[in-house]
Amino acid sequence: MHRFGRMFRLLALLSIAIAAVAVFLATQGEESPAVHSMIAAALAAGFAVLLGSAVMTIVLLGARSGHNEIATPQIHEEGKDE
């Protein structure tokens, strides 16, 4: 859990940076952008990156720790027979 927390904090900082870039890019096209569109762009980009990075972190740590083999023993036993 400690490694997950450390990786997730770094990825949360990455999602904040990507949300800031998304707001910057959304404001470049218009002279006076609406506040609601800037908030929506920040939340959408930040949440999408945060959710994707959380799922990939869980998959990565599960594969490294061996939890995937414990959860699916039948699949691994079938592959050994062939």
C-alpha atoms as a PDB file:
ATOM      1  CA  MET A   1       0.000   0.000   0.000  1.00  0.00           C
ATOM      2  CA  HIS A   2       2.897   2.371   0.622  1.00  0.00           C
ATOM      3  CA  ARG A   3       4.113   2.050  -2.963  1.00  0.00           C
ATOM      4  CA  PHE A   4       0.582   2.629  -4.267  1.00  0.00           C
ATOM      5  CA  GLY A   5       0.223   5.775  -2.177  1.00  0.00           C
ATOM      6  CA  ARG A   6       3.553   7.154  -3.341  1.00  0.00           C
ATOM      7  CA  MET A   7       2.842   6.439  -7.002  1.00  0.00           C
ATOM      8  CA  PHE A   8      -0.692   7.793  -6.734  1.00  0.00           C
ATOM      9  CA  ARG A   9       0.522  11.074  -5.234  1.00  0.00           C
ATOM     10  CA  LEU A  10       2.927  11.589  -8.108  1.00  0.00           C
ATOM     11  CA  LEU A  11       0.215  10.760 -10.620  1.00  0.00           C
ATOM     12  CA  ALA A  12      -2.169  13.162  -8.874  1.00  0.00           C
ATOM     13  CA  LEU A  13       0.388  15.931  -9.409  1.00  0.00           C
ATOM     14  CA  LEU A  14       0.606  14.890 -13.054  1.00  0.00           C
ATOM     15  CA  SER A  15      -3.167  15.102 -13.434  1.00  0.00           C
ATOM     16  CA  ILE A  16      -3.190  18.585 -11.892  1.00  0.00           C
ATOM     17  CA  ALA A  17      -0.524  19.690 -14.367  1.00  0.00           C
ATOM     18  CA  ILE A  18      -2.486  18.218 -17.273  1.00  0.00           C
ATOM     19  CA  ALA A  19      -5.645  19.950 -16.054  1.00  0.00           C
ATOM     20  CA  ALA A  20      -3.762  23.258 -15.988  1.00  0.00           C
ATOM     21  CA  VAL A  21      -2.563  22.672 -19.553  1.00  0.00           C
ATOM     22  CA  ALA A  22      -6.132  21.823 -20.606  1.00  0.00           C
ATOM     23  CA  VAL A  23      -7.425  25.095 -19.146  1.00  0.00           C
ATOM     24  CA  PHE A  24      -4.613  27.005 -20.820  1.00  0.00           C
ATOM     25  CA  LEU A  25      -5.395  25.443 -24.191  1.00  0.00           C
ATOM     26  CA  ALA A  26      -9.140  26.004 -23.748  1.00  0.00           C
ATOM     27  CA  THR A  27      -8.584  29.704 -23.103  1.00  0.00           C
ATOM     28  CA  GLN A  28      -6.361  30.243 -26.144  1.00  0.00           C
ATOM     29  CA  GLY A  29      -9.132  30.151 -28.733  1.00  0.00           C
ATOM     30  CA  GLU A  30     -11.537  32.684 -27.247  1.00  0.00           C
ATOM     31  CA  GLU A  31     -11.167  36.281 -26.171  1.00  0.00           C
ATOM     32  CA  SER A  32     -13.178  35.903 -22.967  1.00  0.00           C
ATOM     33  CA  PRO A  33     -13.776  32.254 -22.089  1.00  0.00           C
ATOM     34  CA  ALA A  34     -16.591  31.340 -19.734  1.00  0.00           C
ATOM     35  CA  VAL A  35     -15.600  30.308 -16.239  1.00  0.00           C
ATOM     36  CA  HIS A  36     -17.856  27.251 -16.486  1.00  0.00           C
ATOM     37  CA  SER A  37     -16.022  25.942 -19.544  1.00  0.00           C
ATOM     38  CA  MET A  38     -12.641  26.378 -17.849  1.00  0.00           C
ATOM     39  CA  ILE A  39     -13.838  24.501 -14.769  1.00  0.00           C
ATOM     40  CA  ALA A  40     -15.329  21.744 -16.920  1.00  0.00           C
ATOM     41  CA  ALA A  41     -12.123  21.373 -18.936  1.00  0.00           C
ATOM     42  CA  ALA A  42     -10.002  21.199 -15.794  1.00  0.00           C
ATOM     43  CA  LEU A  43     -12.237  18.659 -14.088  1.00  0.00           C
ATOM     44  CA  ALA A  44     -12.634  16.480 -17.172  1.00  0.00           C
ATOM     45  CA  ALA A  45      -8.937  16.345 -18.020  1.00  0.00           C
ATOM     46  CA  GLY A  46      -7.787  15.965 -14.425  1.00  0.00           C
ATOM     47  CA  PHE A  47     -10.309  13.282 -13.524  1.00  0.00           C
ATOM     48  CA  ALA A  48      -9.681  11.271 -16.699  1.00  0.00           C
ATOM     49  CA  VAL A  49      -5.923  11.239 -16.139  1.00  0.00           C
ATOM     50  CA  LEU A  50      -6.325  10.490 -12.427  1.00  0.00           C
ATOM     51  CA  LEU A  51      -8.710   7.593 -13.043  1.00  0.00           C
ATOM     52  CA  GLY A  52      -6.600   6.091 -15.807  1.00  0.00           C
ATOM     53  CA  SER A  53      -3.406   6.376 -13.812  1.00  0.00           C
ATOM     54  CA  ALA A  54      -5.037   4.821 -10.734  1.00  0.00           C
ATOM     55  CA  VAL A  55      -6.204   1.802 -12.723  1.00  0.00           C
ATOM     56  CA  MET A  56      -2.819   1.344 -14.368  1.00  0.00           C
ATOM     57  CA  THR A  57      -1.070   1.664 -10.977  1.00  0.00           C
ATOM     58  CA  ILE A  58      -3.282  -1.047  -9.504  1.00  0.00           C
ATOM     59  CA  VAL A  59      -2.620  -3.330 -12.475  1.00  0.00           C
ATOM     60  CA  LEU A  60       1.132  -2.728 -12.290  1.00  0.00           C
ATOM     61  CA  LEU A  61       1.394  -3.309  -8.560  1.00  0.00           C
ATOM     62  CA  GLY A  62      -0.880  -6.374  -8.765  1.00  0.00           C
ATOM     63  CA  ALA A  63       1.319  -7.920 -11.426  1.00  0.00           C
ATOM     64  CA  ARG A  64       4.506  -7.220  -9.473  1.00  0.00           C
ATOM     65  CA  SER A  65       3.216  -8.553  -6.161  1.00  0.00           C
ATOM     66  CA  GLY A  66       1.763 -11.784  -7.563  1.00  0.00           C
ATOM     67  CA  HIS A  67      -1.862 -11.066  -6.714  1.00  0.00           C
ATOM     68  CA  ASN A  68      -2.918 -11.727 -10.310  1.00  0.00           C
ATOM     69  CA  GLU A  69      -1.695 -15.331 -10.146  1.00  0.00           C
ATOM     70  CA  ILE A  70      -3.610 -15.920  -6.928  1.00  0.00           C
ATOM     71  CA  ALA A  71      -6.838 -14.513  -8.385  1.00  0.00           C
ATOM     72  CA  THR A  72      -6.763 -16.634 -11.563  1.00  0.00           C
ATOM     73  CA  PRO A  73      -5.163 -20.011 -10.832  1.00  0.00           C
ATOM     74  CA  GLN A  74      -7.195 -21.911 -13.468  1.00  0.00           C
ATOM     75  CA  ILE A  75      -5.923 -19.816 -16.356  1.00  0.00           C
ATOM     76  CA  HIS A  76      -2.291 -20.334 -15.366  1.00  0.00           C
ATOM     77  CA  GLU A  77      -2.752 -24.092 -14.893  1.00  0.00           C
ATOM     78  CA  GLU A  78      -4.317 -24.453 -18.370  1.00  0.00           C
ATOM     79  CA  GLY A  79      -1.357 -22.626 -19.938  1.00  0.00           C
ATOM     80  CA  LYS A  80       1.126 -25.058 -18.334  1.00  0.00           C
ATOM     81  CA  ASP A  81      -0.569 -28.115 -19.890  1.00  0.00           C
ATOM     82  CA  GLU A  82      -0.081 -26.900 -23.443  1.00  0.00           C
END
